Amino acid sequence: MIHTCDITLPGKVQVGEDSWGRPIYEDHDPKTVKCRYNAKKVYLKDTAGTEQVLEMKLFLLPETAVDPQMTVDHIKDDRKNLLTTAKLVADTITPRYDAKTLHHYEVYLKGAE
């Protein structure tokens, strides 16, 4: 994997308890993971004509925690250059298998660019 990105999972995590023993919750912190970012132009044809859209896909290692409501941002190359400034969300997550074991995840992203 030649890129890195920050993944923020939805929901909250318990970080401790207050003086009354009640749990204290905070949002998940972004986690920087290795990935591969791929963006390409796709042409969609319908009755109204042809429309050009940008298809963004992220490849993640099998040990990466994924969630359909996660957000992805700060996608960088190996030289720490930002590849996109958008805050993206997962559209679909597809696990890919090699024989019987999970090889990687393909995450299609949606967001504004």
Protein backbone atom coordinates (compact mmCIF):
# COMPACT_ATOMS: atom_id res chain seq x y z
CA MET A 1 0.00 0.00 0.00
CA ILE A 2 1.53 3.27 -1.14
CA HIS A 3 -0.81 5.81 0.45
CA THR A 4 -2.05 6.69 3.93
CA CYS A 5 -5.40 8.04 5.05
CA ASP A 6 -7.25 8.94 8.24
CA ILE A 7 -10.33 6.82 8.97
CA THR A 8 -12.85 7.93 11.57
CA LEU A 9 -15.36 5.31 12.67
CA PRO A 10 -18.88 6.40 13.68
CA GLY A 11 -20.22 6.29 17.21
CA LYS A 12 -18.58 6.87 20.53
CA VAL A 13 -16.09 5.00 22.70
CA GLN A 14 -16.01 4.88 26.50
CA VAL A 15 -12.95 6.72 27.80
CA GLY A 16 -13.56 6.50 31.55
CA GLU A 17 -16.00 7.17 34.35
CA ASP A 18 -16.97 10.28 36.27
CA SER A 19 -16.91 10.55 40.07
CA TRP A 20 -20.39 8.95 40.25
CA GLY A 21 -19.33 5.90 38.25
CA ARG A 22 -21.16 6.95 35.08
CA PRO A 23 -19.38 6.24 31.79
CA ILE A 24 -17.79 9.10 29.84
CA TYR A 25 -17.97 8.81 26.05
CA GLU A 26 -16.06 10.59 23.28
CA ASP A 27 -16.06 10.34 19.49
CA HIS A 28 -13.59 7.92 17.91
CA ASP A 29 -10.24 9.49 17.11
CA PRO A 30 -9.12 9.33 13.47
CA LYS A 31 -6.76 6.44 12.81
CA THR A 32 -4.06 6.72 10.16
CA VAL A 33 -3.87 3.53 8.08
CA LYS A 34 -2.06 2.33 4.97
CA CYS A 35 -4.22 2.30 1.85
CA ARG A 36 -4.23 2.73 -1.91
CA TYR A 37 -6.33 5.53 -3.40
CA ASN A 38 -7.58 5.29 -6.96
CA ALA A 39 -9.62 7.97 -8.74
CA LYS A 40 -10.72 7.74 -12.35
CA LYS A 41 -13.21 9.42 -14.66
CA VAL A 42 -16.19 7.29 -15.61
CA TYR A 43 -18.69 8.16 -18.32
CA LEU A 44 -22.34 7.31 -17.64
CA LYS A 45 -24.79 7.18 -20.52
CA ASP A 46 -28.53 7.56 -20.19
CA THR A 47 -31.41 8.98 -22.23
CA ALA A 48 -30.37 12.55 -21.38
CA GLY A 49 -26.84 12.06 -22.73
CA THR A 50 -23.44 11.31 -21.28
CA GLU A 51 -22.28 12.47 -17.88
CA GLN A 52 -18.72 12.38 -16.57
CA VAL A 53 -18.27 11.45 -12.90
CA LEU A 54 -15.22 10.80 -10.73
CA GLU A 55 -15.12 7.29 -9.27
CA MET A 56 -13.03 7.14 -6.10
CA LYS A 57 -11.94 3.83 -4.64
CA LEU A 58 -9.85 2.97 -1.60
CA PHE A 59 -8.10 -0.35 -1.03
CA LEU A 60 -7.58 -1.25 2.64
CA LEU A 61 -5.68 -4.03 4.36
CA PRO A 62 -7.74 -6.84 5.92
CA GLU A 63 -6.78 -5.85 9.49
CA THR A 64 -8.27 -2.35 9.03
CA ALA A 65 -11.53 -1.75 10.90
CA VAL A 66 -14.20 -0.66 8.40
CA ASP A 67 -17.76 0.57 8.84
CA PRO A 68 -20.34 1.69 6.24
CA GLN A 69 -20.66 5.06 8.00
CA MET A 70 -16.94 5.80 8.37
CA THR A 71 -15.36 8.97 7.03
CA VAL A 72 -12.05 9.16 5.17
CA ASP A 73 -9.84 12.23 4.83
CA HIS A 74 -6.20 13.33 4.60
CA ILE A 75 -5.34 10.86 1.83
CA LYS A 76 -1.59 11.27 1.24
CA ASP A 77 1.05 9.70 -0.97
CA ASP A 78 4.39 8.33 0.25
CA ARG A 79 5.89 11.84 0.19
CA LYS A 80 3.11 13.21 2.45
CA ASN A 81 1.46 15.17 -0.41
CA LEU A 82 -2.32 15.46 -0.09
CA LEU A 83 -4.10 13.66 -2.93
CA THR A 84 -7.53 15.10 -2.10
CA THR A 85 -8.81 17.73 0.30
CA ALA A 86 -12.33 16.34 0.48
CA LYS A 87 -13.83 14.61 3.49
CA LEU A 88 -15.21 11.43 1.98
CA VAL A 89 -17.68 8.81 3.22
CA ALA A 90 -17.95 5.15 2.30
CA ASP A 91 -20.53 4.32 -0.36
CA THR A 92 -20.03 0.55 -0.56
CA ILE A 93 -17.53 -1.77 1.09
CA THR A 94 -16.64 -5.00 -0.70
CA PRO A 95 -14.42 -7.61 0.93
CA ARG A 96 -12.14 -9.39 -1.56
CA TYR A 97 -10.93 -12.91 -0.83
CA ASP A 98 -7.88 -14.86 -1.95
CA ALA A 99 -8.94 -18.53 -1.90
CA LYS A 100 -10.43 -18.71 1.62
CA THR A 101 -8.90 -15.74 3.42
CA LEU A 102 -9.71 -12.04 3.31
CA HIS A 103 -7.16 -10.31 1.05
CA HIS A 104 -8.33 -6.66 1.19
CA TYR A 105 -11.35 -4.34 1.23
CA GLU A 106 -12.46 -2.22 -1.72
CA VAL A 107 -14.25 0.88 -0.50
CA TYR A 108 -16.08 3.03 -3.03
CA LEU A 109 -16.19 6.62 -1.78
CA LYS A 110 -18.66 9.42 -2.26
CA GLY A 111 -17.99 13.07 -1.58
CA ALA A 112 -17.57 16.48 -3.14
CA GLU A 113 -14.54 17.24 -5.30
